[in-house]
Each structure stands twice: as C-alpha cells, then as structure tokens.
PDB file of all heavy atoms in Angstrom:
ATOM      1  N   ARG A   1      72.588  24.833-214.155  1.00  0.00           N
ATOM      2  CA  ARG A   1      73.777  24.195-213.531  1.00  0.00           C
ATOM      3  C   ARG A   1      74.663  25.175-212.749  1.00  0.00           C
ATOM      4  O   ARG A   1      75.203  24.931-211.785  1.00  0.00           O
ATOM      5  CB  ARG A   1      74.610  23.414-214.603  1.00  0.00           C
ATOM      6  CG  ARG A   1      74.022  22.217-215.078  1.00  0.00           C
ATOM      7  CD  ARG A   1      73.760  21.142-213.980  1.00  0.00           C
ATOM      8  NE  ARG A   1      73.229  19.947-214.583  1.00  0.00           N
ATOM      9  CZ  ARG A   1      72.275  19.210-214.080  1.00  0.00           C
ATOM     10  NH1 ARG A   1      71.717  19.681-212.942  1.00  0.00           N
ATOM     11  NH2 ARG A   1      71.730  18.140-214.558  1.00  0.00           N
ATOM     12  N   GLN A   2      74.650  26.494-213.242  1.00  0.00           N
ATOM     13  CA  GLN A   2      75.333  27.535-212.550  1.00  0.00           C
ATOM     14  C   GLN A   2      74.693  28.125-211.290  1.00  0.00           C
ATOM     15  O   GLN A   2      75.391  28.649-210.449  1.00  0.00           O
ATOM     16  CB  GLN A   2      75.745  28.615-213.524  1.00  0.00           C
ATOM     17  CG  GLN A   2      76.891  28.175-214.622  1.00  0.00           C
ATOM     18  CD  GLN A   2      77.087  29.354-215.554  1.00  0.00           C
ATOM     19  OE1 GLN A   2      76.515  30.281-215.613  1.00  0.00           O
ATOM     20  NE2 GLN A   2      78.036  29.129-216.452  1.00  0.00           N
ATOM     21  N   ASN A   3      73.425  27.961-211.163  1.00  0.00           N
ATOM     22  CA  ASN A   3      72.592  28.489-210.156  1.00  0.00           C
ATOM     23  C   ASN A   3      72.651  27.411-209.015  1.00  0.00           C
ATOM     24  O   ASN A   3      72.164  26.326-209.252  1.00  0.00           O
ATOM     25  CB  ASN A   3      71.240  28.817-210.672  1.00  0.00           C
ATOM     26  CG  ASN A   3      70.366  29.495-209.505  1.00  0.00           C
ATOM     27  OD1 ASN A   3      70.566  29.225-208.272  1.00  0.00           O
ATOM     28  ND2 ASN A   3      69.478  30.279-209.898  1.00  0.00           N
ATOM     29  N   PRO A   4      73.104  27.807-207.876  1.00  0.00           N
ATOM     30  CA  PRO A   4      73.139  26.827-206.709  1.00  0.00           C
ATOM     31  C   PRO A   4      71.770  26.208-206.408  1.00  0.00           C
ATOM     32  O   PRO A   4      71.729  25.066-205.914  1.00  0.00           O
ATOM     33  CB  PRO A   4      73.666  27.664-205.611  1.00  0.00           C
ATOM     34  CG  PRO A   4      74.490  28.717-206.109  1.00  0.00           C
ATOM     35  CD  PRO A   4      73.780  29.116-207.566  1.00  0.00           C
ATOM     36  N   ALA A   5      70.791  26.983-206.508  1.00  0.00           N
ATOM     37  CA  ALA A   5      69.371  26.520-206.256  1.00  0.00           C
ATOM     38  C   ALA A   5      68.920  25.508-207.216  1.00  0.00           C
ATOM     39  O   ALA A   5      67.934  24.743-206.751  1.00  0.00           O
ATOM     40  CB  ALA A   5      68.309  27.785-206.234  1.00  0.00           C
ATOM     41  N   THR A   6      69.446  25.439-208.422  1.00  0.00           N
ATOM     42  CA  THR A   6      68.981  24.390-209.442  1.00  0.00           C
ATOM     43  C   THR A   6      70.048  23.599-209.991  1.00  0.00           C
ATOM     44  O   THR A   6      69.784  22.702-210.759  1.00  0.00           O
ATOM     45  CB  THR A   6      68.326  25.205-210.588  1.00  0.00           C
ATOM     46  OG1 THR A   6      69.288  25.963-211.136  1.00  0.00           O
ATOM     47  CG2 THR A   6      67.090  25.869-210.262  1.00  0.00           C
ATOM     48  N   ALA A   7      71.256  23.634-209.310  1.00  0.00           N
ATOM     49  CA  ALA A   7      72.422  22.908-209.873  1.00  0.00           C
ATOM     50  C   ALA A   7      72.250  21.413-209.907  1.00  0.00           C
ATOM     51  O   ALA A   7      72.703  20.716-210.691  1.00  0.00           O
ATOM     52  CB  ALA A   7      73.725  23.361-209.112  1.00  0.00           C
ATOM     53  N   GLY A   8      71.584  20.982-208.879  1.00  0.00           N
ATOM     54  CA  GLY A   8      71.267  19.468-208.700  1.00  0.00           C
ATOM     55  C   GLY A   8      70.031  18.924-209.364  1.00  0.00           C
ATOM     56  O   GLY A   8      69.784  17.745-209.205  1.00  0.00           O
ATOM     57  N   THR A   9      69.428  19.903-210.006  1.00  0.00           N
ATOM     58  CA  THR A   9      68.112  19.383-210.598  1.00  0.00           C
ATOM     59  C   THR A   9      68.394  18.418-211.732  1.00  0.00           C
ATOM     60  O   THR A   9      69.216  18.590-212.525  1.00  0.00           O
ATOM     61  CB  THR A   9      67.319  20.567-211.199  1.00  0.00           C
ATOM     62  OG1 THR A   9      67.090  21.514-210.161  1.00  0.00           O
ATOM     63  CG2 THR A   9      65.986  20.219-211.849  1.00  0.00           C
ATOM     64  N   ARG A  10      67.492  17.348-211.877  1.00  0.00           N
ATOM     65  CA  ARG A  10      67.695  16.403-212.944  1.00  0.00           C
ATOM     66  C   ARG A  10      67.185  17.049-214.238  1.00  0.00           C
ATOM     67  O   ARG A  10      66.064  17.578-214.268  1.00  0.00           O
ATOM     68  CB  ARG A  10      66.917  15.134-212.665  1.00  0.00           C
ATOM     69  CG  ARG A  10      67.045  14.119-213.698  1.00  0.00           C
ATOM     70  CD  ARG A  10      66.527  12.771-213.239  1.00  0.00           C
ATOM     71  NE  ARG A  10      66.495  11.801-214.156  1.00  0.00           N
ATOM     72  CZ  ARG A  10      67.569  11.203-214.791  1.00  0.00           C
ATOM     73  NH1 ARG A  10      68.754  11.461-214.251  1.00  0.00           N
ATOM     74  NH2 ARG A  10      67.453  10.356-215.689  1.00  0.00           N
ATOM     75  N   LEU A  11      68.036  17.144-215.237  1.00  0.00           N
ATOM     76  CA  LEU A  11      67.687  17.845-216.534  1.00  0.00           C
ATOM     77  C   LEU A  11      67.675  16.841-217.687  1.00  0.00           C
ATOM     78  O   LEU A  11      68.646  16.122-217.793  1.00  0.00           O
ATOM     79  CB  LEU A  11      68.741  18.833-216.891  1.00  0.00           C
ATOM     80  CG  LEU A  11      69.033  20.021-215.950  1.00  0.00           C
ATOM     81  CD1 LEU A  11      70.146  20.970-216.386  1.00  0.00           C
ATOM     82  CD2 LEU A  11      67.752  20.831-215.628  1.00  0.00           C
ATOM     83  N   ILE A  12      66.595  16.843-218.390  1.00  0.00           N
ATOM     84  CA  ILE A  12      66.411  15.928-219.501  1.00  0.00           C
ATOM     85  C   ILE A  12      66.112  16.713-220.838  1.00  0.00           C
ATOM     86  O   ILE A  12      65.115  17.490-220.845  1.00  0.00           O
ATOM     87  CB  ILE A  12      65.352  14.833-219.184  1.00  0.00           C
ATOM     88  CG1 ILE A  12      65.755  13.982-218.001  1.00  0.00           C
ATOM     89  CG2 ILE A  12      65.165  13.937-220.516  1.00  0.00           C
ATOM     90  CD1 ILE A  12      64.648  12.943-217.724  1.00  0.00           C
ATOM     91  N   ALA A  13      66.904  16.583-221.747  1.00  0.00           N
ATOM     92  CA  ALA A  13      66.727  17.173-223.086  1.00  0.00           C
ATOM     93  C   ALA A  13      65.688  16.386-223.771  1.00  0.00           C
ATOM     94  O   ALA A  13      65.762  15.064-223.938  1.00  0.00           O
ATOM     95  CB  ALA A  13      68.056  17.269-223.901  1.00  0.00           C
ATOM     96  N   VAL A  14      64.655  17.044-224.352  1.00  0.00           N
ATOM     97  CA  VAL A  14      63.634  16.401-225.207  1.00  0.00           C
ATOM     98  C   VAL A  14      63.621  17.131-226.541  1.00  0.00           C
ATOM     99  O   VAL A  14      63.267  18.279-226.480  1.00  0.00           O
ATOM    100  CB  VAL A  14      62.268  16.435-224.466  1.00  0.00           C
ATOM    101  CG1 VAL A  14      61.185  15.799-225.362  1.00  0.00           C
ATOM    102  CG2 VAL A  14      62.239  15.687-223.042  1.00  0.00           C
ATOM    103  N   THR A  15      64.129  16.415-227.580  1.00  0.00           N
ATOM    104  CA  THR A  15      64.493  17.211-228.742  1.00  0.00           C
ATOM    105  C   THR A  15      64.290  16.362-229.942  1.00  0.00           C
ATOM    106  O   THR A  15      64.193  15.171-229.885  1.00  0.00           O
ATOM    107  CB  THR A  15      65.967  17.701-228.598  1.00  0.00           C
ATOM    108  OG1 THR A  15      66.256  18.295-229.750  1.00  0.00           O
ATOM    109  CG2 THR A  15      66.873  16.488-228.273  1.00  0.00           C
ATOM    110  N   GLY A  16      64.251  17.052-230.990  1.00  0.00           N
ATOM    111  CA  GLY A  16      64.067  16.444-232.302  1.00  0.00           C
ATOM    112  C   GLY A  16      65.513  16.072-232.896  1.00  0.00           C
ATOM    113  O   GLY A  16      65.793  15.414-233.926  1.00  0.00           O
ATOM    114  N   TYR A  17      66.573  16.560-232.204  1.00  0.00           N
ATOM    115  CA  TYR A  17      67.887  16.364-232.723  1.00  0.00           C
ATOM    116  C   TYR A  17      68.463  15.002-232.078  1.00  0.00           C
ATOM    117  O   TYR A  17      68.661  14.822-230.903  1.00  0.00           O
ATOM    118  CB  TYR A  17      68.860  17.482-232.252  1.00  0.00           C
ATOM    119  CG  TYR A  17      68.443  18.915-232.561  1.00  0.00           C
ATOM    120  CD1 TYR A  17      68.145  19.958-231.702  1.00  0.00           C
ATOM    121  CD2 TYR A  17      68.312  19.176-233.953  1.00  0.00           C
ATOM    122  CE1 TYR A  17      67.771  21.156-232.159  1.00  0.00           C
ATOM    123  CE2 TYR A  17      67.993  20.466-234.408  1.00  0.00           C
ATOM    124  CZ  TYR A  17      67.691  21.433-233.361  1.00  0.00           C
ATOM    125  OH  TYR A  17      67.347  22.652-233.829  1.00  0.00           O
ATOM    126  N   GLY A  18      68.582  14.022-232.917  1.00  0.00           N
ATOM    127  CA  GLY A  18      68.779  12.647-232.375  1.00  0.00           C
ATOM    128  C   GLY A  18      70.003  12.005-232.915  1.00  0.00           C
ATOM    129  O   GLY A  18      70.157  10.862-232.645  1.00  0.00           O
ATOM    130  N   GLN A  19      71.043  12.760-233.508  1.00  0.00           N
ATOM    131  CA  GLN A  19      72.262  12.124-233.813  1.00  0.00           C
ATOM    132  C   GLN A  19      73.087  11.911-232.550  1.00  0.00           C
ATOM    133  O   GLN A  19      72.853  12.543-231.536  1.00  0.00           O
ATOM    134  CB  GLN A  19      72.968  13.055-234.708  1.00  0.00           C
ATOM    135  CG  GLN A  19      72.342  13.319-235.942  1.00  0.00           C
ATOM    136  CD  GLN A  19      72.213  12.157-236.990  1.00  0.00           C
ATOM    137  OE1 GLN A  19      73.104  11.391-236.925  1.00  0.00           O
ATOM    138  NE2 GLN A  19      71.151  11.972-237.677  1.00  0.00           N
ATOM    139  N   GLU A  20      74.058  11.045-232.574  1.00  0.00           N
ATOM    140  CA  GLU A  20      74.979  10.781-231.445  1.00  0.00           C
ATOM    141  C   GLU A  20      75.649  12.000-230.996  1.00  0.00           C
ATOM    142  O   GLU A  20      75.784  12.247-229.844  1.00  0.00           O
ATOM    143  CB  GLU A  20      75.978   9.743-231.896  1.00  0.00           C
ATOM    144  CG  GLU A  20      76.933   9.341-230.654  1.00  0.00           C
ATOM    145  CD  GLU A  20      76.334   8.750-229.439  1.00  0.00           C
ATOM    146  OE1 GLU A  20      75.050   8.369-229.524  1.00  0.00           O
ATOM    147  OE2 GLU A  20      76.887   8.839-228.310  1.00  0.00           O
ATOM    148  N   GLN A  21      76.111  12.780-231.916  1.00  0.00           N
ATOM    149  CA  GLN A  21      76.706  14.118-231.569  1.00  0.00           C
ATOM    150  C   GLN A  21      75.805  15.077-230.853  1.00  0.00           C
ATOM    151  O   GLN A  21      76.228  15.921-229.972  1.00  0.00           O
ATOM    152  CB  GLN A  21      77.480  14.756-232.725  1.00  0.00           C
ATOM    153  CG  GLN A  21      76.504  15.373-233.797  1.00  0.00           C
ATOM    154  CD  GLN A  21      76.401  14.451-234.898  1.00  0.00           C
ATOM    155  OE1 GLN A  21      76.570  13.182-234.885  1.00  0.00           O
ATOM    156  NE2 GLN A  21      75.932  14.893-236.158  1.00  0.00           N
ATOM    157  N   ASP A  22      74.436  14.947-231.197  1.00  0.00           N
ATOM    158  CA  ASP A  22      73.499  15.843-230.435  1.00  0.00           C
ATOM    159  C   ASP A  22      73.390  15.295-228.978  1.00  0.00           C
ATOM    160  O   ASP A  22      73.310  16.168-228.040  1.00  0.00           O
ATOM    161  CB  ASP A  22      72.171  15.782-231.214  1.00  0.00           C
ATOM    162  CG  ASP A  22      72.144  16.225-232.619  1.00  0.00           C
ATOM    163  OD1 ASP A  22      72.791  17.219-232.832  1.00  0.00           O
ATOM    164  OD2 ASP A  22      71.562  15.658-233.431  1.00  0.00           O
ATOM    165  N   ARG A  23      73.305  14.027-228.796  1.00  0.00           N
ATOM    166  CA  ARG A  23      73.263  13.427-227.397  1.00  0.00           C
ATOM    167  C   ARG A  23      74.490  13.857-226.651  1.00  0.00           C
ATOM    168  O   ARG A  23      74.388  14.364-225.427  1.00  0.00           O
ATOM    169  CB  ARG A  23      73.079  11.941-227.519  1.00  0.00           C
ATOM    170  CG  ARG A  23      72.840  11.364-226.104  1.00  0.00           C
ATOM    171  CD  ARG A  23      73.026   9.832-226.265  1.00  0.00           C
ATOM    172  NE  ARG A  23      74.328   9.365-226.326  1.00  0.00           N
ATOM    173  CZ  ARG A  23      75.226   9.460-225.303  1.00  0.00           C
ATOM    174  NH1 ARG A  23      74.894   9.940-224.135  1.00  0.00           N
ATOM    175  NH2 ARG A  23      76.552   8.996-225.469  1.00  0.00           N
ATOM    176  N   LEU A  24      75.685  13.755-227.212  1.00  0.00           N
ATOM    177  CA  LEU A  24      76.908  14.050-226.627  1.00  0.00           C
ATOM    178  C   LEU A  24      76.937  15.560-226.195  1.00  0.00           C
ATOM    179  O   LEU A  24      77.343  15.939-225.183  1.00  0.00           O
ATOM    180  CB  LEU A  24      78.111  13.725-227.394  1.00  0.00           C
ATOM    181  CG  LEU A  24      78.405  12.206-227.538  1.00  0.00           C
ATOM    182  CD1 LEU A  24      79.509  11.936-228.548  1.00  0.00           C
ATOM    183  CD2 LEU A  24      78.702  11.602-226.156  1.00  0.00           C
ATOM    184  N   ARG A  25      76.487  16.390-227.104  1.00  0.00           N
ATOM    185  CA  ARG A  25      76.461  17.859-226.831  1.00  0.00           C
ATOM    186  C   ARG A  25      75.559  18.145-225.689  1.00  0.00           C
ATOM    187  O   ARG A  25      75.887  19.068-224.883  1.00  0.00           O
ATOM    188  CB  ARG A  25      76.106  18.616-228.135  1.00  0.00           C
ATOM    189  CG  ARG A  25      76.153  20.112-227.890  1.00  0.00           C
ATOM    190  CD  ARG A  25      76.005  20.878-229.192  1.00  0.00           C
ATOM    191  NE  ARG A  25      75.991  22.292-228.874  1.00  0.00           N
ATOM    192  CZ  ARG A  25      75.330  23.219-229.488  1.00  0.00           C
ATOM    193  NH1 ARG A  25      74.693  22.808-230.666  1.00  0.00           N
ATOM    194  NH2 ARG A  25      75.499  24.472-229.255  1.00  0.00           N
ATOM    195  N   ALA A  26      74.375  17.465-225.599  1.00  0.00           N
ATOM    196  CA  ALA A  26      73.437  17.743-224.501  1.00  0.00           C
ATOM    197  C   ALA A  26      73.975  17.356-223.240  1.00  0.00           C
ATOM    198  O   ALA A  26      73.962  18.072-222.222  1.00  0.00           O
ATOM    199  CB  ALA A  26      72.051  16.890-224.943  1.00  0.00           C
ATOM    200  N   ILE A  27      74.674  16.234-223.167  1.00  0.00           N
ATOM    201  CA  ILE A  27      75.263  15.780-221.988  1.00  0.00           C
ATOM    202  C   ILE A  27      76.400  16.694-221.561  1.00  0.00           C
ATOM    203  O   ILE A  27      76.588  17.033-220.328  1.00  0.00           O
ATOM    204  CB  ILE A  27      75.812  14.312-222.037  1.00  0.00           C
ATOM    205  CG1 ILE A  27      74.687  13.323-222.469  1.00  0.00           C
ATOM    206  CG2 ILE A  27      76.560  13.800-220.837  1.00  0.00           C
ATOM    207  CD1 ILE A  27      73.568  13.344-221.460  1.00  0.00           C
ATOM    208  N   GLN A  28      77.207  17.189-222.545  1.00  0.00           N
ATOM    209  CA  GLN A  28      78.294  18.087-222.180  1.00  0.00           C
ATOM    210  C   GLN A  28      77.661  19.420-221.715  1.00  0.00           C
ATOM    211  O   GLN A  28      78.395  20.178-221.024  1.00  0.00           O
ATOM    212  CB  GLN A  28      79.142  18.309-223.445  1.00  0.00           C
ATOM    213  CG  GLN A  28      79.987  17.130-223.757  1.00  0.00           C
ATOM    214  CD  GLN A  28      80.654  17.170-225.034  1.00  0.00           C
ATOM    215  OE1 GLN A  28      80.361  18.078-225.884  1.00  0.00           O
ATOM    216  NE2 GLN A  28      81.641  16.337-225.266  1.00  0.00           N
ATOM    217  N   ALA A  29      76.540  19.879-222.208  1.00  0.00           N
ATOM    218  CA  ALA A  29      75.953  21.055-221.762  1.00  0.00           C
ATOM    219  C   ALA A  29      75.352  20.987-220.348  1.00  0.00           C
ATOM    220  O   ALA A  29      74.932  22.049-219.824  1.00  0.00           O
ATOM    221  CB  ALA A  29      74.852  21.494-222.764  1.00  0.00           C
ATOM    222  N   GLY A  30      75.362  19.765-219.807  1.00  0.00           N
ATOM    223  CA  GLY A  30      74.770  19.692-218.465  1.00  0.00           C
ATOM    224  C   GLY A  30      73.458  18.839-218.234  1.00  0.00           C
ATOM    225  O   GLY A  30      73.071  18.668-217.149  1.00  0.00           O
ATOM    226  N   PHE A  31      72.951  18.386-219.465  1.00  0.00           N
ATOM    227  CA  PHE A  31      71.783  17.548-219.299  1.00  0.00           C
ATOM    228  C   PHE A  31      72.190  16.173-218.739  1.00  0.00           C
ATOM    229  O   PHE A  31      73.325  15.710-219.010  1.00  0.00           O
ATOM    230  CB  PHE A  31      71.102  17.310-220.638  1.00  0.00           C
ATOM    231  CG  PHE A  31      70.315  18.480-221.213  1.00  0.00           C
ATOM    232  CD1 PHE A  31      70.846  19.443-221.980  1.00  0.00           C
ATOM    233  CD2 PHE A  31      69.015  18.743-220.592  1.00  0.00           C
ATOM    234  CE1 PHE A  31      70.263  20.499-222.458  1.00  0.00           C
ATOM    235  CE2 PHE A  31      68.268  19.891-221.076  1.00  0.00           C
ATOM    236  CZ  PHE A  31      68.973  20.777-221.938  1.00  0.00           C
ATOM    237  N   ASP A  32      71.266  15.476-217.905  1.00  0.00           N
ATOM    238  CA  ASP A  32      71.458  14.199-217.301  1.00  0.00           C
ATOM    239  C   ASP A  32      71.180  13.084-218.448  1.00  0.00           C
ATOM    240  O   ASP A  32      71.664  12.019-218.360  1.00  0.00           O
ATOM    241  CB  ASP A  32      70.699  13.980-216.115  1.00  0.00           C
ATOM    242  CG  ASP A  32      71.108  14.958-215.073  1.00  0.00           C
ATOM    243  OD1 ASP A  32      72.333  14.865-214.634  1.00  0.00           O
ATOM    244  OD2 ASP A  32      70.287  15.677-214.670  1.00  0.00           O
ATOM    245  N   ASP A  33      70.254  13.433-219.376  1.00  0.00           N
ATOM    246  CA  ASP A  33      69.862  12.546-220.381  1.00  0.00           C
ATOM    247  C   ASP A  33      69.218  13.259-221.655  1.00  0.00           C
ATOM    248  O   ASP A  33      69.084  14.371-221.460  1.00  0.00           O
ATOM    249  CB  ASP A  33      68.802  11.520-219.744  1.00  0.00           C
ATOM    250  CG  ASP A  33      68.830  10.127-220.462  1.00  0.00           C
ATOM    251  OD1 ASP A  33      69.375  10.052-221.564  1.00  0.00           O
ATOM    252  OD2 ASP A  33      68.273   9.280-219.904  1.00  0.00           O
ATOM    253  N   HIS A  34      69.057  12.573-222.638  1.00  0.00           N
ATOM    254  CA  HIS A  34      68.708  13.024-224.029  1.00  0.00           C
ATOM    255  C   HIS A  34      67.626  12.121-224.582  1.00  0.00           C
ATOM    256  O   HIS A  34      67.946  10.894-224.757  1.00  0.00           O
ATOM    257  CB  HIS A  34      69.979  13.049-224.884  1.00  0.00           C
ATOM    258  CG  HIS A  34      69.760  13.530-226.204  1.00  0.00           C
ATOM    259  ND1 HIS A  34      69.492  12.643-227.302  1.00  0.00           N
ATOM    260  CD2 HIS A  34      69.704  14.858-226.739  1.00  0.00           C
ATOM    261  CE1 HIS A  34      69.375  13.307-228.367  1.00  0.00           C
ATOM    262  NE2 HIS A  34      69.543  14.608-228.113  1.00  0.00           N
ATOM    263  N   LEU A  35      66.422  12.669-224.683  1.00  0.00           N
ATOM    264  CA  LEU A  35      65.367  11.930-225.412  1.00  0.00           C
ATOM    265  C   LEU A  35      64.999  12.479-226.620  1.00  0.00           C
ATOM    266  O   LEU A  35      64.807  13.795-226.725  1.00  0.00           O
ATOM    267  CB  LEU A  35      64.199  11.851-224.321  1.00  0.00           C
ATOM    268  CG  LEU A  35      64.398  11.210-222.899  1.00  0.00           C
ATOM    269  CD1 LEU A  35      63.103  11.360-222.262  1.00  0.00           C
ATOM    270  CD2 LEU A  35      64.925   9.793-223.103  1.00  0.00           C
ATOM    271  N   VAL A  36      64.707  11.699-227.596  1.00  0.00           N
ATOM    272  CA  VAL A  36      64.252  12.081-228.951  1.00  0.00           C
ATOM    273  C   VAL A  36      62.789  12.085-229.202  1.00  0.00           C
ATOM    274  O   VAL A  36      62.228  11.123-228.785  1.00  0.00           O
ATOM    275  CB  VAL A  36      64.990  11.326-230.059  1.00  0.00           C
ATOM    276  CG1 VAL A  36      64.652  11.824-231.454  1.00  0.00           C
ATOM    277  CG2 VAL A  36      66.625  11.451-229.860  1.00  0.00           C
TER     278      VAL A  36
END
C-alpha cells in the first residue's frame, strides 16, 4: 500500500485466522478482503 506502483492492487488475505477480529485486522492492514 505504501509503494505507489502497487498501492492500488487488489489485496486478499487468505488465512487460517478466521475470527472477526482477524478479518478486521486484515482490512485495517490494507487488505481489500479476507478469506479463510
């Protein structure tokens, strides 16, 4: 997100962390979505 060349790239977290707070943390970190 900080790199101008990749700032607009669609980012999807694919993770084993599936709690609501994990999803929120991923979105706050800059991911567009969170898949478990």
